[in-house]
Amino acid sequence: MKVKINKFSGVTFGVLFGLLAGIALKDIGLWICLGLAIGAAVDYTRNKNQNSEGENEK
């Protein structure tokens, strides 16, 4: 079984996206919160998919 190590999590990308969108739209607080929530959802989904793939291989 290959173990893949991700350097950046979804939360990191979400906060980065939120920061850039917040700067562009001049509402940093809102967009950092939204980016954090979206990034956490991406991590949750990615981990859930990896766990289900691991159970299918057994």
PDB file of N, CA and C in Angstrom:
ATOM      1  N   MET A   1       0.843  -1.182   0.000  1.00  0.00           N
ATOM      2  CA  MET A   1       0.000   0.000   0.000  1.00  0.00           C
ATOM      3  C   MET A   1       0.886   1.242   0.000  1.00  0.00           C
ATOM      4  N   LYS A   2       0.640   2.118  -0.924  1.00  0.00           N
ATOM      5  CA  LYS A   2       1.391   3.366  -1.001  1.00  0.00           C
ATOM      6  C   LYS A   2       0.802   4.376  -0.040  1.00  0.00           C
ATOM      7  N   VAL A   3       1.666   5.034   0.704  1.00  0.00           N
ATOM      8  CA  VAL A   3       1.221   6.095   1.593  1.00  0.00           C
ATOM      9  C   VAL A   3       1.621   7.418   0.963  1.00  0.00           C
ATOM     10  N   LYS A   4       0.644   8.240   0.717  1.00  0.00           N
ATOM     11  CA  LYS A   4       0.880   9.529   0.092  1.00  0.00           C
ATOM     12  C   LYS A   4       0.910  10.600   1.185  1.00  0.00           C
ATOM     13  N   ILE A   5       1.954  11.387   1.207  1.00  0.00           N
ATOM     14  CA  ILE A   5       2.056  12.454   2.192  1.00  0.00           C
ATOM     15  C   ILE A   5       1.782  13.778   1.493  1.00  0.00           C
ATOM     16  N   ASN A   6       0.747  14.447   1.943  1.00  0.00           N
ATOM     17  CA  ASN A   6       0.405  15.751   1.375  1.00  0.00           C
ATOM     18  C   ASN A   6       1.095  16.837   2.178  1.00  0.00           C
ATOM     19  N   LYS A   7       1.798  17.710   1.485  1.00  0.00           N
ATOM     20  CA  LYS A   7       2.453  18.810   2.176  1.00  0.00           C
ATOM     21  C   LYS A   7       1.455  19.868   2.607  1.00  0.00           C
ATOM     22  N   PHE A   8       0.426  20.058   1.794  1.00  0.00           N
ATOM     23  CA  PHE A   8      -0.560  21.086   2.094  1.00  0.00           C
ATOM     24  C   PHE A   8      -1.920  20.441   2.280  1.00  0.00           C
ATOM     25  N   SER A   9      -2.583  20.849   3.310  1.00  0.00           N
ATOM     26  CA  SER A   9      -3.917  20.306   3.542  1.00  0.00           C
ATOM     27  C   SER A   9      -4.956  21.198   2.871  1.00  0.00           C
ATOM     28  N   GLY A  10      -6.170  20.724   2.853  1.00  0.00           N
ATOM     29  CA  GLY A  10      -7.261  21.514   2.291  1.00  0.00           C
ATOM     30  C   GLY A  10      -7.494  22.793   3.064  1.00  0.00           C
ATOM     31  N   VAL A  11      -7.227  22.741   4.373  1.00  0.00           N
ATOM     32  CA  VAL A  11      -7.404  23.932   5.201  1.00  0.00           C
ATOM     33  C   VAL A  11      -6.418  25.017   4.783  1.00  0.00           C
ATOM     34  N   THR A  12      -5.196  24.621   4.477  1.00  0.00           N
ATOM     35  CA  THR A  12      -4.193  25.586   4.034  1.00  0.00           C
ATOM     36  C   THR A  12      -4.622  26.266   2.740  1.00  0.00           C
ATOM     37  N   PHE A  13      -5.086  25.454   1.791  1.00  0.00           N
ATOM     38  CA  PHE A  13      -5.558  26.028   0.534  1.00  0.00           C
ATOM     39  C   PHE A  13      -6.785  26.896   0.758  1.00  0.00           C
ATOM     40  N   GLY A  14      -7.666  26.473   1.651  1.00  0.00           N
ATOM     41  CA  GLY A  14      -8.873  27.237   1.930  1.00  0.00           C
ATOM     42  C   GLY A  14      -8.568  28.606   2.526  1.00  0.00           C
ATOM     43  N   VAL A  15      -7.651  28.639   3.479  1.00  0.00           N
ATOM     44  CA  VAL A  15      -7.281  29.922   4.091  1.00  0.00           C
ATOM     45  C   VAL A  15      -6.584  30.806   3.076  1.00  0.00           C
ATOM     46  N   LEU A  16      -5.719  30.225   2.260  1.00  0.00           N
ATOM     47  CA  LEU A  16      -5.044  31.004   1.220  1.00  0.00           C
ATOM     48  C   LEU A  16      -6.051  31.573   0.230  1.00  0.00           C
ATOM     49  N   PHE A  17      -6.999  30.742  -0.211  1.00  0.00           N
ATOM     50  CA  PHE A  17      -8.049  31.211  -1.109  1.00  0.00           C
ATOM     51  C   PHE A  17      -8.874  32.313  -0.438  1.00  0.00           C
ATOM     52  N   GLY A  18      -9.228  32.102   0.821  1.00  0.00           N
ATOM     53  CA  GLY A  18     -10.006  33.098   1.552  1.00  0.00           C
ATOM     54  C   GLY A  18      -9.267  34.414   1.704  1.00  0.00           C
ATOM     55  N   LEU A  19      -7.978  34.330   1.952  1.00  0.00           N
ATOM     56  CA  LEU A  19      -7.176  35.541   2.089  1.00  0.00           C
ATOM     57  C   LEU A  19      -7.125  36.314   0.776  1.00  0.00           C
ATOM     58  N   LEU A  20      -6.875  35.601  -0.322  1.00  0.00           N
ATOM     59  CA  LEU A  20      -6.808  36.273  -1.617  1.00  0.00           C
ATOM     60  C   LEU A  20      -8.164  36.847  -2.029  1.00  0.00           C
ATOM     61  N   ALA A  21      -9.233  36.075  -1.828  1.00  0.00           N
ATOM     62  CA  ALA A  21     -10.569  36.570  -2.166  1.00  0.00           C
ATOM     63  C   ALA A  21     -10.934  37.744  -1.266  1.00  0.00           C
ATOM     64  N   GLY A  22     -10.560  37.672   0.002  1.00  0.00           N
ATOM     65  CA  GLY A  22     -10.858  38.756   0.941  1.00  0.00           C
ATOM     66  C   GLY A  22     -10.146  40.044   0.581  1.00  0.00           C
ATOM     67  N   ILE A  23      -8.919  39.924   0.156  1.00  0.00           N
ATOM     68  CA  ILE A  23      -8.176  41.118  -0.260  1.00  0.00           C
ATOM     69  C   ILE A  23      -8.810  41.710  -1.514  1.00  0.00           C
ATOM     70  N   ALA A  24      -9.163  40.836  -2.458  1.00  0.00           N
ATOM     71  CA  ALA A  24      -9.734  41.314  -3.712  1.00  0.00           C
ATOM     72  C   ALA A  24     -11.106  41.958  -3.494  1.00  0.00           C
ATOM     73  N   LEU A  25     -11.894  41.390  -2.594  1.00  0.00           N
ATOM     74  CA  LEU A  25     -13.255  41.879  -2.378  1.00  0.00           C
ATOM     75  C   LEU A  25     -13.379  42.806  -1.162  1.00  0.00           C
ATOM     76  N   LYS A  26     -12.249  43.063  -0.498  1.00  0.00           N
ATOM     77  CA  LYS A  26     -12.178  43.972   0.649  1.00  0.00           C
ATOM     78  C   LYS A  26     -13.082  43.544   1.814  1.00  0.00           C
ATOM     79  N   ASP A  27     -13.121  42.230   2.063  1.00  0.00           N
ATOM     80  CA  ASP A  27     -13.830  41.685   3.215  1.00  0.00           C
ATOM     81  C   ASP A  27     -13.085  40.438   3.692  1.00  0.00           C
ATOM     82  N   ILE A  28     -11.898  40.666   4.275  1.00  0.00           N
ATOM     83  CA  ILE A  28     -10.993  39.576   4.616  1.00  0.00           C
ATOM     84  C   ILE A  28     -11.596  38.638   5.653  1.00  0.00           C
ATOM     85  N   GLY A  29     -12.249  39.180   6.667  1.00  0.00           N
ATOM     86  CA  GLY A  29     -12.796  38.351   7.739  1.00  0.00           C
ATOM     87  C   GLY A  29     -13.788  37.316   7.237  1.00  0.00           C
ATOM     88  N   LEU A  30     -14.699  37.731   6.401  1.00  0.00           N
ATOM     89  CA  LEU A  30     -15.705  36.820   5.856  1.00  0.00           C
ATOM     90  C   LEU A  30     -15.060  35.732   5.019  1.00  0.00           C
ATOM     91  N   TRP A  31     -14.153  36.107   4.141  1.00  0.00           N
ATOM     92  CA  TRP A  31     -13.591  35.149   3.199  1.00  0.00           C
ATOM     93  C   TRP A  31     -12.602  34.196   3.842  1.00  0.00           C
ATOM     94  N   ILE A  32     -11.890  34.635   4.879  1.00  0.00           N
ATOM     95  CA  ILE A  32     -11.014  33.691   5.582  1.00  0.00           C
ATOM     96  C   ILE A  32     -11.864  32.630   6.272  1.00  0.00           C
ATOM     97  N   CYS A  33     -12.980  33.045   6.880  1.00  0.00           N
ATOM     98  CA  CYS A  33     -13.878  32.079   7.524  1.00  0.00           C
ATOM     99  C   CYS A  33     -14.461  31.107   6.502  1.00  0.00           C
ATOM    100  N   LEU A  34     -14.903  31.619   5.361  1.00  0.00           N
ATOM    101  CA  LEU A  34     -15.461  30.746   4.330  1.00  0.00           C
ATOM    102  C   LEU A  34     -14.387  29.804   3.763  1.00  0.00           C
ATOM    103  N   GLY A  35     -13.198  30.319   3.537  1.00  0.00           N
ATOM    104  CA  GLY A  35     -12.109  29.487   3.031  1.00  0.00           C
ATOM    105  C   GLY A  35     -11.728  28.398   4.009  1.00  0.00           C
ATOM    106  N   LEU A  36     -11.719  28.717   5.299  1.00  0.00           N
ATOM    107  CA  LEU A  36     -11.409  27.728   6.325  1.00  0.00           C
ATOM    108  C   LEU A  36     -12.460  26.627   6.340  1.00  0.00           C
ATOM    109  N   ALA A  37     -13.729  27.009   6.256  1.00  0.00           N
ATOM    110  CA  ALA A  37     -14.811  26.021   6.252  1.00  0.00           C
ATOM    111  C   ALA A  37     -14.748  25.139   5.005  1.00  0.00           C
ATOM    112  N   ILE A  38     -14.497  25.733   3.860  1.00  0.00           N
ATOM    113  CA  ILE A  38     -14.404  24.951   2.621  1.00  0.00           C
ATOM    114  C   ILE A  38     -13.192  24.031   2.669  1.00  0.00           C
ATOM    115  N   GLY A  39     -12.077  24.523   3.170  1.00  0.00           N
ATOM    116  CA  GLY A  39     -10.879  23.689   3.284  1.00  0.00           C
ATOM    117  C   GLY A  39     -11.067  22.521   4.235  1.00  0.00           C
ATOM    118  N   ALA A  40     -11.761  22.737   5.339  1.00  0.00           N
ATOM    119  CA  ALA A  40     -12.039  21.649   6.273  1.00  0.00           C
ATOM    120  C   ALA A  40     -12.944  20.607   5.631  1.00  0.00           C
ATOM    121  N   ALA A  41     -13.909  21.051   4.843  1.00  0.00           N
ATOM    122  CA  ALA A  41     -14.791  20.123   4.143  1.00  0.00           C
ATOM    123  C   ALA A  41     -14.012  19.301   3.118  1.00  0.00           C
ATOM    124  N   VAL A  42     -13.069  19.934   2.434  1.00  0.00           N
ATOM    125  CA  VAL A  42     -12.238  19.211   1.454  1.00  0.00           C
ATOM    126  C   VAL A  42     -11.398  18.156   2.165  1.00  0.00           C
ATOM    127  N   ASP A  43     -10.789  18.504   3.297  1.00  0.00           N
ATOM    128  CA  ASP A  43      -9.996  17.537   4.059  1.00  0.00           C
ATOM    129  C   ASP A  43     -10.852  16.374   4.541  1.00  0.00           C
ATOM    130  N   TYR A  44     -12.033  16.689   5.051  1.00  0.00           N
ATOM    131  CA  TYR A  44     -12.936  15.649   5.542  1.00  0.00           C
ATOM    132  C   TYR A  44     -13.307  14.689   4.418  1.00  0.00           C
ATOM    133  N   THR A  45     -13.655  15.237   3.266  1.00  0.00           N
ATOM    134  CA  THR A  45     -14.041  14.408   2.132  1.00  0.00           C
ATOM    135  C   THR A  45     -12.859  13.581   1.632  1.00  0.00           C
ATOM    136  N   ARG A  46     -11.692  14.197   1.561  1.00  0.00           N
ATOM    137  CA  ARG A  46     -10.498  13.479   1.100  1.00  0.00           C
ATOM    138  C   ARG A  46     -10.163  12.325   2.045  1.00  0.00           C
ATOM    139  N   ASN A  47     -10.212  12.574   3.358  1.00  0.00           N
ATOM    140  CA  ASN A  47      -9.914  11.521   4.329  1.00  0.00           C
ATOM    141  C   ASN A  47     -10.968  10.421   4.292  1.00  0.00           C
ATOM    142  N   LYS A  48     -12.217  10.795   4.109  1.00  0.00           N
ATOM    143  CA  LYS A  48     -13.294   9.808   4.045  1.00  0.00           C
ATOM    144  C   LYS A  48     -13.112   8.912   2.821  1.00  0.00           C
ATOM    145  N   ASN A  49     -12.741   9.495   1.683  1.00  0.00           N
ATOM    146  CA  ASN A  49     -12.515   8.713   0.465  1.00  0.00           C
ATOM    147  C   ASN A  49     -11.305   7.803   0.603  1.00  0.00           C
ATOM    148  N   GLN A  50     -10.243   8.271   1.246  1.00  0.00           N
ATOM    149  CA  GLN A  50      -9.048   7.452   1.431  1.00  0.00           C
ATOM    150  C   GLN A  50      -9.348   6.277   2.351  1.00  0.00           C
ATOM    151  N   ASN A  51     -10.149   6.507   3.393  1.00  0.00           N
ATOM    152  CA  ASN A  51     -10.491   5.428   4.315  1.00  0.00           C
ATOM    153  C   ASN A  51     -11.357   4.380   3.629  1.00  0.00           C
ATOM    154  N   SER A  52     -12.294   4.811   2.800  1.00  0.00           N
ATOM    155  CA  SER A  52     -13.151   3.841   2.120  1.00  0.00           C
ATOM    156  C   SER A  52     -12.364   3.061   1.067  1.00  0.00           C
ATOM    157  N   GLU A  53     -11.390   3.678   0.425  1.00  0.00           N
ATOM    158  CA  GLU A  53     -10.542   2.965  -0.543  1.00  0.00           C
ATOM    159  C   GLU A  53      -9.684   1.934   0.169  1.00  0.00           C
ATOM    160  N   GLY A  54      -9.213   2.254   1.354  1.00  0.00           N
ATOM    161  CA  GLY A  54      -8.402   1.317   2.129  1.00  0.00           C
ATOM    162  C   GLY A  54      -9.210   0.097   2.571  1.00  0.00           C
ATOM    163  N   GLU A  55     -10.477   0.294   2.884  1.00  0.00           N
ATOM    164  CA  GLU A  55     -11.331  -0.835   3.280  1.00  0.00           C
ATOM    165  C   GLU A  55     -11.651  -1.718   2.079  1.00  0.00           C
ATOM    166  N   ASN A  56     -11.731  -1.143   0.895  1.00  0.00           N
ATOM    167  CA  ASN A  56     -12.030  -1.928  -0.304  1.00  0.00           C
ATOM    168  C   ASN A  56     -10.855  -2.810  -0.707  1.00  0.00           C
ATOM    169  N   GLU A  57      -9.619  -2.415  -0.367  1.00  0.00           N
ATOM    170  CA  GLU A  57      -8.437  -3.183  -0.751  1.00  0.00           C
ATOM    171  C   GLU A  57      -8.257  -4.413   0.118  1.00  0.00           C
ATOM    172  N   LYS A  58      -8.825  -4.425   1.304  1.00  0.00           N
ATOM    173  CA  LYS A  58      -8.626  -5.552   2.237  1.00  0.00           C
ATOM    174  C   LYS A  58      -9.345  -6.793   1.788  1.00  0.00           C
TER     175      LYS A  58
END
